[in-house]
């Protein structure tokens, strides 16, 4: 069974690989480094992040966007 630390290390390595390939990475609309993404995951209390992959015309990953889906849920619940 994977520990949380192992999961975060794997996520960091994956995102670093994307960054080295020139893939733009952002979180909640702001450019972010792999470390910033992993830190957001580690410190989230109630946040749940969804990944969106933006593909180029030839099918390569061009951008990776992380969005806190709880922010949208809270906005929908606000009268």
N, C-alpha and C. Protein backbone atom coordinates (compact mmCIF):
# COMPACT_ATOMS: atom_id res chain seq x y z
N UNK A 1 0.85 -1.19 0.00
CA UNK A 1 0.00 0.00 0.00
C UNK A 1 0.89 1.25 0.00
N UNK A 2 0.51 2.20 -0.82
CA UNK A 2 1.30 3.43 -0.93
C UNK A 2 1.00 4.37 0.24
N UNK A 3 2.04 4.97 0.77
CA UNK A 3 1.86 6.00 1.79
C UNK A 3 1.57 7.32 1.09
N UNK A 4 1.05 8.28 1.84
CA UNK A 4 0.79 9.61 1.25
C UNK A 4 2.08 10.20 0.70
N UNK A 5 3.18 10.01 1.42
CA UNK A 5 4.45 10.56 0.97
C UNK A 5 4.84 9.98 -0.38
N UNK A 6 4.62 8.69 -0.57
CA UNK A 6 4.94 8.06 -1.86
C UNK A 6 4.07 8.63 -2.97
N UNK A 7 2.81 8.86 -2.67
CA UNK A 7 1.89 9.43 -3.66
C UNK A 7 2.36 10.82 -4.06
N UNK A 8 2.75 11.64 -3.08
CA UNK A 8 3.21 13.00 -3.38
C UNK A 8 4.51 12.99 -4.16
N UNK A 9 5.41 12.08 -3.82
CA UNK A 9 6.68 11.97 -4.57
C UNK A 9 6.42 11.57 -6.02
N UNK A 10 5.50 10.64 -6.23
CA UNK A 10 5.16 10.23 -7.59
C UNK A 10 4.52 11.37 -8.37
N UNK A 11 3.63 12.11 -7.72
CA UNK A 11 3.00 13.26 -8.37
C UNK A 11 4.04 14.29 -8.75
N UNK A 12 4.97 14.58 -7.84
CA UNK A 12 6.03 15.55 -8.11
C UNK A 12 6.86 15.10 -9.31
N UNK A 13 7.26 13.82 -9.33
CA UNK A 13 8.07 13.31 -10.44
C UNK A 13 7.31 13.40 -11.77
N UNK A 14 6.02 13.06 -11.74
CA UNK A 14 5.20 13.14 -12.95
C UNK A 14 5.13 14.58 -13.46
N UNK A 15 4.87 15.52 -12.54
CA UNK A 15 4.73 16.92 -12.95
C UNK A 15 6.07 17.50 -13.40
N UNK A 16 7.15 17.10 -12.76
CA UNK A 16 8.48 17.55 -13.18
C UNK A 16 8.75 17.08 -14.61
N UNK A 17 8.35 15.87 -14.92
CA UNK A 17 8.52 15.33 -16.27
C UNK A 17 7.75 16.17 -17.28
N UNK A 18 6.50 16.51 -16.96
CA UNK A 18 5.72 17.37 -17.84
C UNK A 18 6.40 18.72 -18.03
N UNK A 19 6.87 19.30 -16.93
CA UNK A 19 7.51 20.61 -16.99
C UNK A 19 8.76 20.56 -17.87
N UNK A 20 9.54 19.51 -17.75
CA UNK A 20 10.76 19.37 -18.56
C UNK A 20 10.44 19.24 -20.05
N UNK A 21 9.24 18.73 -20.35
CA UNK A 21 8.82 18.59 -21.74
C UNK A 21 8.17 19.87 -22.27
N UNK A 22 8.11 20.91 -21.43
CA UNK A 22 7.57 22.18 -21.88
C UNK A 22 6.07 22.33 -21.72
N UNK A 23 5.44 21.42 -20.95
CA UNK A 23 4.01 21.51 -20.72
C UNK A 23 3.74 22.61 -19.69
N UNK A 24 2.84 23.53 -20.02
CA UNK A 24 2.45 24.58 -19.07
C UNK A 24 1.58 23.96 -17.98
N UNK A 25 1.89 24.29 -16.73
CA UNK A 25 1.13 23.75 -15.60
C UNK A 25 0.56 24.93 -14.81
N UNK A 26 -0.72 24.83 -14.45
CA UNK A 26 -1.34 25.89 -13.66
C UNK A 26 -2.28 25.29 -12.63
N UNK A 27 -2.56 26.10 -11.60
CA UNK A 27 -3.52 25.70 -10.57
C UNK A 27 -4.43 26.88 -10.31
N UNK A 28 -5.71 26.65 -10.37
CA UNK A 28 -6.72 27.68 -10.15
C UNK A 28 -6.45 28.93 -10.98
N UNK A 29 -5.99 28.72 -12.22
CA UNK A 29 -5.79 29.82 -13.15
C UNK A 29 -4.44 30.51 -13.10
N UNK A 30 -3.53 30.05 -12.24
CA UNK A 30 -2.22 30.67 -12.11
C UNK A 30 -1.12 29.68 -12.46
N UNK A 31 -0.09 30.14 -13.19
CA UNK A 31 1.04 29.24 -13.49
C UNK A 31 1.63 28.71 -12.18
N UNK A 32 2.03 27.45 -12.19
CA UNK A 32 2.55 26.84 -10.97
C UNK A 32 3.64 25.83 -11.30
N UNK A 33 4.54 25.67 -10.35
CA UNK A 33 5.60 24.68 -10.48
C UNK A 33 5.11 23.35 -9.92
N UNK A 34 5.80 22.26 -10.23
CA UNK A 34 5.43 20.98 -9.63
C UNK A 34 5.39 21.05 -8.10
N UNK A 35 6.35 21.74 -7.50
CA UNK A 35 6.37 21.85 -6.04
C UNK A 35 5.14 22.59 -5.52
N UNK A 36 4.70 23.63 -6.21
CA UNK A 36 3.51 24.36 -5.78
C UNK A 36 2.26 23.48 -5.86
N UNK A 37 2.17 22.66 -6.90
CA UNK A 37 1.03 21.77 -7.04
C UNK A 37 1.02 20.74 -5.91
N UNK A 38 2.16 20.11 -5.68
CA UNK A 38 2.24 19.09 -4.63
C UNK A 38 1.97 19.71 -3.27
N UNK A 39 2.47 20.91 -3.03
CA UNK A 39 2.23 21.59 -1.75
C UNK A 39 0.74 21.85 -1.57
N UNK A 40 0.06 22.27 -2.65
CA UNK A 40 -1.39 22.51 -2.57
C UNK A 40 -2.11 21.21 -2.23
N UNK A 41 -1.69 20.12 -2.83
CA UNK A 41 -2.30 18.82 -2.52
C UNK A 41 -2.06 18.45 -1.06
N UNK A 42 -0.85 18.69 -0.58
CA UNK A 42 -0.49 18.29 0.79
C UNK A 42 -1.21 19.13 1.83
N UNK A 43 -1.45 20.40 1.55
CA UNK A 43 -2.02 21.31 2.54
C UNK A 43 -3.52 21.47 2.42
N UNK A 44 -4.11 20.87 1.41
CA UNK A 44 -5.56 21.03 1.25
C UNK A 44 -6.29 20.42 2.43
N UNK A 45 -7.28 21.12 2.89
CA UNK A 45 -8.08 20.60 3.98
C UNK A 45 -9.37 20.00 3.42
N UNK A 46 -10.01 20.74 2.55
CA UNK A 46 -11.25 20.24 1.97
C UNK A 46 -11.23 20.31 0.45
N UNK A 47 -10.13 20.78 -0.12
CA UNK A 47 -10.05 20.93 -1.56
C UNK A 47 -9.87 19.60 -2.27
N UNK A 48 -10.47 19.52 -3.43
CA UNK A 48 -10.30 18.37 -4.30
C UNK A 48 -9.96 18.92 -5.67
N UNK A 49 -8.82 18.52 -6.20
CA UNK A 49 -8.36 19.06 -7.47
C UNK A 49 -8.68 18.12 -8.62
N UNK A 50 -9.16 18.71 -9.70
CA UNK A 50 -9.45 18.00 -10.93
C UNK A 50 -8.39 18.39 -11.94
N UNK A 51 -7.93 17.44 -12.71
CA UNK A 51 -6.95 17.72 -13.76
C UNK A 51 -7.66 17.88 -15.09
N UNK A 52 -7.23 18.86 -15.85
CA UNK A 52 -7.67 19.03 -17.23
C UNK A 52 -6.43 19.02 -18.11
N UNK A 53 -6.45 18.18 -19.12
CA UNK A 53 -5.35 18.12 -20.06
C UNK A 53 -5.75 18.88 -21.32
N UNK A 54 -4.92 19.82 -21.74
CA UNK A 54 -5.14 20.56 -22.97
C UNK A 54 -4.21 19.95 -24.02
N UNK A 55 -4.79 19.48 -25.11
CA UNK A 55 -4.01 18.80 -26.14
C UNK A 55 -3.78 19.69 -27.34
N UNK A 56 -2.64 19.50 -27.97
CA UNK A 56 -2.35 20.19 -29.22
C UNK A 56 -3.10 19.48 -30.34
N UNK A 57 -3.07 20.04 -31.53
CA UNK A 57 -3.78 19.43 -32.66
C UNK A 57 -3.27 18.03 -32.99
N UNK A 58 -1.98 17.80 -32.70
CA UNK A 58 -1.42 16.47 -33.00
C UNK A 58 -1.54 15.50 -31.83
N UNK A 59 -2.28 15.90 -30.78
CA UNK A 59 -2.58 14.99 -29.68
C UNK A 59 -1.59 14.97 -28.53
N UNK A 60 -0.61 15.87 -28.56
CA UNK A 60 0.34 15.96 -27.45
C UNK A 60 -0.20 16.85 -26.34
N UNK A 61 0.18 16.55 -25.11
CA UNK A 61 -0.26 17.38 -23.98
C UNK A 61 0.46 18.71 -24.06
N UNK A 62 -0.31 19.78 -24.10
CA UNK A 62 0.20 21.14 -24.25
C UNK A 62 0.16 21.88 -22.90
N UNK A 63 -0.85 21.57 -22.09
CA UNK A 63 -1.01 22.22 -20.79
C UNK A 63 -1.73 21.28 -19.85
N UNK A 64 -1.45 21.47 -18.58
CA UNK A 64 -2.07 20.69 -17.52
C UNK A 64 -2.62 21.67 -16.50
N UNK A 65 -3.93 21.63 -16.28
CA UNK A 65 -4.60 22.60 -15.41
C UNK A 65 -5.23 21.88 -14.24
N UNK A 66 -4.90 22.34 -13.04
CA UNK A 66 -5.51 21.81 -11.83
C UNK A 66 -6.52 22.83 -11.32
N UNK A 67 -7.73 22.37 -11.03
CA UNK A 67 -8.79 23.25 -10.55
C UNK A 67 -9.39 22.67 -9.28
N UNK A 68 -9.50 23.51 -8.24
CA UNK A 68 -10.13 23.09 -6.99
C UNK A 68 -11.64 23.06 -7.24
N UNK A 69 -12.19 21.86 -7.36
CA UNK A 69 -13.60 21.76 -7.69
C UNK A 69 -14.49 22.16 -6.52
N UNK A 70 -13.98 22.19 -5.30
CA UNK A 70 -14.78 22.64 -4.16
C UNK A 70 -15.05 24.13 -4.23
N UNK A 71 -14.16 24.91 -4.85
CA UNK A 71 -14.41 26.34 -5.03
C UNK A 71 -15.67 26.56 -5.85
N UNK A 72 -15.87 25.75 -6.88
CA UNK A 72 -17.04 25.88 -7.73
C UNK A 72 -18.30 25.43 -6.98
N UNK A 73 -18.17 24.38 -6.20
CA UNK A 73 -19.32 23.89 -5.41
C UNK A 73 -19.76 24.95 -4.42
N UNK A 74 -18.79 25.62 -3.74
CA UNK A 74 -19.11 26.66 -2.78
C UNK A 74 -19.81 27.82 -3.47
N UNK A 75 -19.37 28.18 -4.67
CA UNK A 75 -20.00 29.28 -5.41
C UNK A 75 -21.43 28.94 -5.79
N UNK A 76 -21.68 27.67 -6.12
CA UNK A 76 -23.04 27.25 -6.48
C UNK A 76 -23.96 27.28 -5.25
N UNK A 77 -23.41 27.00 -4.08
CA UNK A 77 -24.21 26.95 -2.86
C UNK A 77 -24.49 28.33 -2.27
N UNK A 78 -23.76 29.34 -2.72
CA UNK A 78 -23.93 30.69 -2.18
C UNK A 78 -25.13 31.35 -2.85
N UNK A 79 -26.07 31.85 -2.05
CA UNK A 79 -27.27 32.48 -2.65
C UNK A 79 -26.96 33.81 -3.32
